[in-house]
């Protein structure tokens, strides 16, 4: 009788451990599936975050090149030295607010558009 009771207790314990393990696996699987669904639905957000943002200098240089202008032309047009334009484009210095506005007008875009591209 004692042996049967001991066997039943052992069997019950093993069964309980098995149920806990199965429940843990099921719950983990549900969490994984939910996480994967959320991940796949966030593709647009991930792509937007993954787009490479540029430094102000890179944006200014790209705008100048898109407008097919030289640094010398830009400098003469807004009244600064060619070296100043070079420093802005290589990131050594930043243009003043008034120069940034002048650059935006010259490139026929808004200051907001320039700054939107900056990281």
Protein backbone atom coordinates (compact mmCIF):
# COMPACT_ATOMS: atom_id res chain seq x y z
CA UNK A 1 0.00 0.00 0.00
CA UNK A 2 2.80 2.43 0.92
CA UNK A 3 4.59 1.59 -2.33
CA UNK A 4 1.47 2.31 -4.38
CA UNK A 5 1.00 5.65 -2.62
CA UNK A 6 4.66 6.54 -3.19
CA UNK A 7 4.35 5.58 -6.87
CA UNK A 8 1.24 7.70 -7.25
CA UNK A 9 2.98 10.69 -5.62
CA UNK A 10 6.03 10.29 -7.85
CA UNK A 11 3.84 9.91 -10.94
CA UNK A 12 1.81 12.97 -9.92
CA UNK A 13 5.00 15.00 -9.37
CA UNK A 14 6.42 14.01 -12.76
CA UNK A 15 3.07 14.76 -14.38
CA UNK A 16 2.95 18.18 -12.67
CA UNK A 17 6.50 19.00 -13.79
CA UNK A 18 5.59 17.95 -17.33
CA UNK A 19 2.47 20.15 -17.32
CA UNK A 20 4.46 23.12 -16.06
CA UNK A 21 7.06 22.58 -18.78
CA UNK A 22 4.42 22.29 -21.50
CA UNK A 23 2.61 25.38 -20.21
CA UNK A 24 5.89 27.32 -20.18
CA UNK A 25 6.62 26.27 -23.76
CA UNK A 26 3.12 27.27 -24.90
CA UNK A 27 3.26 30.67 -23.15
CA UNK A 28 6.74 31.35 -24.56
CA UNK A 29 5.52 30.38 -28.02
CA UNK A 30 2.57 32.77 -27.73
CA UNK A 31 4.87 35.63 -26.68
CA UNK A 32 7.21 34.86 -29.60
CA UNK A 33 4.34 34.82 -32.09
CA UNK A 34 3.01 38.14 -30.75
CA UNK A 35 6.50 39.66 -30.94
CA UNK A 36 6.95 38.46 -34.52
CA UNK A 37 3.57 39.89 -35.53
CA UNK A 38 4.50 43.25 -33.98
CA UNK A 39 7.89 43.14 -35.69
CA UNK A 40 6.44 42.43 -39.14
CA UNK A 41 3.87 45.22 -38.73
CA UNK A 42 6.62 47.70 -37.86
CA UNK A 43 8.46 47.34 -41.17
CA UNK A 44 7.76 50.93 -42.29
CA UNK A 45 8.97 52.35 -38.99
CA UNK A 46 12.13 50.24 -39.10
CA UNK A 47 12.84 51.32 -42.69
CA UNK A 48 12.33 54.97 -41.79
CA UNK A 49 14.67 54.69 -38.82
CA UNK A 50 17.16 52.87 -40.98
CA UNK A 51 17.42 55.62 -43.54
CA UNK A 52 20.76 57.28 -43.31
CA UNK A 53 20.62 60.87 -42.14
CA UNK A 54 23.38 63.23 -43.18
CA UNK A 55 25.38 65.88 -41.42
CA UNK A 56 24.56 69.52 -42.20
CA UNK A 57 27.73 69.75 -44.28
CA UNK A 58 26.78 66.71 -46.36
CA UNK A 59 23.31 68.13 -46.97
CA UNK A 60 24.72 71.51 -48.01
CA UNK A 61 27.22 69.90 -50.36
CA UNK A 62 24.55 67.67 -51.89
CA UNK A 63 22.24 70.64 -52.45
CA UNK A 64 25.06 72.64 -54.05
CA UNK A 65 25.97 69.76 -56.34
CA UNK A 66 22.31 69.13 -57.23
CA UNK A 67 22.10 72.80 -58.30
CA UNK A 68 25.32 72.35 -60.32
CA UNK A 69 27.07 75.18 -58.47
CA UNK A 70 30.69 75.52 -57.44
CA UNK A 71 31.81 76.51 -53.97
CA UNK A 72 33.22 79.71 -55.49
CA UNK A 73 29.88 80.63 -57.06
CA UNK A 74 28.00 79.98 -53.81
CA UNK A 75 30.55 82.02 -51.85
CA UNK A 76 30.38 85.01 -54.20
CA UNK A 77 26.59 84.91 -54.36
CA UNK A 78 26.03 85.00 -50.60
CA UNK A 79 29.04 87.15 -49.78
CA UNK A 80 31.43 84.80 -47.98
CA UNK A 81 34.76 83.20 -48.84
CA UNK A 82 35.06 79.93 -50.73
CA UNK A 83 36.91 78.58 -47.68
CA UNK A 84 33.85 79.31 -45.53
CA UNK A 85 31.66 77.25 -47.86
CA UNK A 86 34.27 74.48 -47.79
CA UNK A 87 34.34 74.50 -43.98
CA UNK A 88 30.53 74.29 -43.84
CA UNK A 89 30.53 71.34 -46.24
CA UNK A 90 33.29 69.40 -44.51
CA UNK A 91 31.80 70.02 -41.06
CA UNK A 92 34.63 72.13 -39.67
CA UNK A 93 32.14 74.93 -38.98
CA UNK A 94 28.44 75.66 -39.41
CA UNK A 95 26.93 78.57 -41.29
CA UNK A 96 25.29 81.35 -39.31
CA UNK A 97 21.51 81.47 -39.34
CA UNK A 98 21.52 84.28 -41.89
CA UNK A 99 23.95 82.37 -44.14
CA UNK A 100 21.83 79.21 -43.82
CA UNK A 101 18.78 81.21 -44.93
CA UNK A 102 20.79 82.63 -47.85
CA UNK A 103 21.91 79.13 -48.85
CA UNK A 104 18.34 77.83 -48.73
CA UNK A 105 17.17 80.69 -50.97
CA UNK A 106 20.04 80.08 -53.37
CA UNK A 107 19.26 76.35 -53.54
CA UNK A 108 15.52 77.15 -53.86
CA UNK A 109 14.53 75.06 -50.84
CA UNK A 110 13.41 75.94 -47.34
CA UNK A 111 15.64 75.91 -44.28
CA UNK A 112 13.26 73.28 -42.86
CA UNK A 113 13.96 70.99 -45.82
CA UNK A 114 17.69 71.31 -45.23
CA UNK A 115 17.39 70.64 -41.51
CA UNK A 116 14.98 67.74 -42.04
CA UNK A 117 17.73 65.81 -43.81
CA UNK A 118 20.22 66.39 -40.98
CA UNK A 119 20.69 63.63 -38.41
